[in-house]
Amino acid sequence: MAIDLSISHPDPTQLRVFLRGALQDEGTTVTVFDGSTEPVPGAHVHISRPIGFPGDELVSGLWTLVVQDDAAGSVGTLHGWSLHLMTRWD
């Protein structure tokens, strides 16, 4: 599984991005980006990387991207995101 993500924000260190699997309440949530530990120069975050879910995550259903701003006072923009699913037989 891989994710592509594009966000702009005046201070990306305030951002955290999570991906919640298709099982929602019973599924797994993984951290895609944590601005406090992954400093990015400038105000634009572009992520293109593989991400892993432990075990056999159900791929059919609603996947949820959660973008969290840990501080008030500034606004960012989610320009787009995509999720690329592969099976172990690919």
Protein backbone atom coordinates (compact mmCIF):
# COMPACT_ATOMS: atom_id res chain seq x y z
CA MET A 1 0.00 0.00 0.00
CA ALA A 2 1.27 3.48 -0.79
CA ILE A 3 -0.04 6.99 -0.21
CA ASP A 4 0.44 10.27 -2.05
CA LEU A 5 -0.48 13.39 -0.11
CA SER A 6 -0.18 17.14 -0.70
CA ILE A 7 -0.88 19.72 2.05
CA SER A 8 0.10 23.35 2.53
CA HIS A 9 0.18 24.99 5.96
CA PRO A 10 2.09 27.99 7.38
CA ASP A 11 3.67 25.71 10.01
CA PRO A 12 3.69 22.00 9.06
CA THR A 13 5.17 21.12 12.47
CA GLN A 14 1.62 21.58 13.82
CA LEU A 15 0.19 18.86 11.57
CA ARG A 16 -0.41 15.16 12.10
CA VAL A 17 -1.95 12.96 9.43
CA PHE A 18 -3.47 9.52 10.04
CA LEU A 19 -5.01 6.90 7.78
CA ARG A 20 -7.80 4.75 9.20
CA GLY A 21 -8.38 1.39 7.55
CA ALA A 22 -11.61 0.20 5.97
CA LEU A 23 -12.83 -1.51 9.13
CA GLN A 24 -13.15 1.93 10.79
CA ASP A 25 -13.79 1.34 14.53
CA GLU A 26 -12.29 -2.14 14.42
CA GLY A 27 -9.56 -1.34 11.89
CA THR A 28 -6.05 -0.05 12.23
CA THR A 29 -4.98 3.59 12.20
CA VAL A 30 -1.45 4.42 11.07
CA THR A 31 0.45 7.68 11.25
CA VAL A 32 1.23 8.98 7.77
CA PHE A 33 2.91 12.25 8.84
CA ASP A 34 3.85 13.76 12.19
CA GLY A 35 5.13 17.31 11.78
CA SER A 36 6.66 17.32 15.26
CA THR A 37 9.04 14.50 14.30
CA GLU A 38 9.31 14.99 10.53
CA PRO A 39 10.26 18.63 9.99
CA VAL A 40 9.61 19.89 6.48
CA PRO A 41 11.26 23.02 5.10
CA GLY A 42 8.73 25.56 3.93
CA ALA A 43 4.97 25.46 4.04
CA HIS A 44 4.26 22.59 1.65
CA VAL A 45 4.16 18.92 2.60
CA HIS A 46 4.30 16.37 -0.20
CA ILE A 47 4.39 12.72 0.81
CA SER A 48 4.74 9.78 -1.51
CA ARG A 49 5.66 6.63 0.36
CA PRO A 50 4.67 3.09 1.14
CA ILE A 51 2.74 2.57 4.34
CA GLY A 52 2.05 -0.65 6.12
CA PHE A 53 -0.86 -2.07 7.99
CA PRO A 54 -0.19 -5.01 10.27
CA GLY A 55 -1.86 -8.28 9.42
CA ASP A 56 -4.51 -8.67 6.75
CA GLU A 57 -6.37 -5.37 6.61
CA LEU A 58 -9.70 -5.39 4.76
CA VAL A 59 -9.31 -3.20 1.67
CA SER A 60 -12.97 -2.97 0.63
CA GLY A 61 -14.83 -0.15 2.33
CA LEU A 62 -14.35 3.40 3.48
CA TRP A 63 -10.77 4.54 4.14
CA THR A 64 -10.48 7.76 6.13
CA LEU A 65 -7.68 10.32 6.05
CA VAL A 66 -7.54 12.41 9.23
CA VAL A 67 -5.55 15.68 9.21
CA GLN A 68 -5.08 17.19 12.66
CA ASP A 69 -3.76 20.69 13.37
CA ASP A 70 -2.36 20.77 16.90
CA ALA A 71 -2.51 24.58 17.25
CA ALA A 72 -5.13 27.23 16.66
CA GLY A 73 -4.68 30.36 14.60
CA SER A 74 -3.54 29.15 11.20
CA VAL A 75 -5.27 27.37 8.36
CA GLY A 76 -3.94 24.87 5.84
CA THR A 77 -5.18 23.26 2.65
CA LEU A 78 -5.36 19.60 1.70
CA HIS A 79 -4.64 19.75 -2.05
CA GLY A 80 -5.21 16.06 -2.64
CA TRP A 81 -4.42 12.51 -1.66
CA SER A 82 -4.55 9.07 -3.16
CA LEU A 83 -4.15 5.55 -1.87
CA HIS A 84 -2.61 2.79 -3.97
CA LEU A 85 -3.63 -0.72 -2.91
CA MET A 86 -1.75 -3.82 -3.91
CA THR A 87 -2.38 -7.43 -3.01
CA ARG A 88 0.30 -9.88 -2.04
CA TRP A 89 -0.27 -11.55 -5.38
CA ASP A 90 0.61 -8.37 -7.36
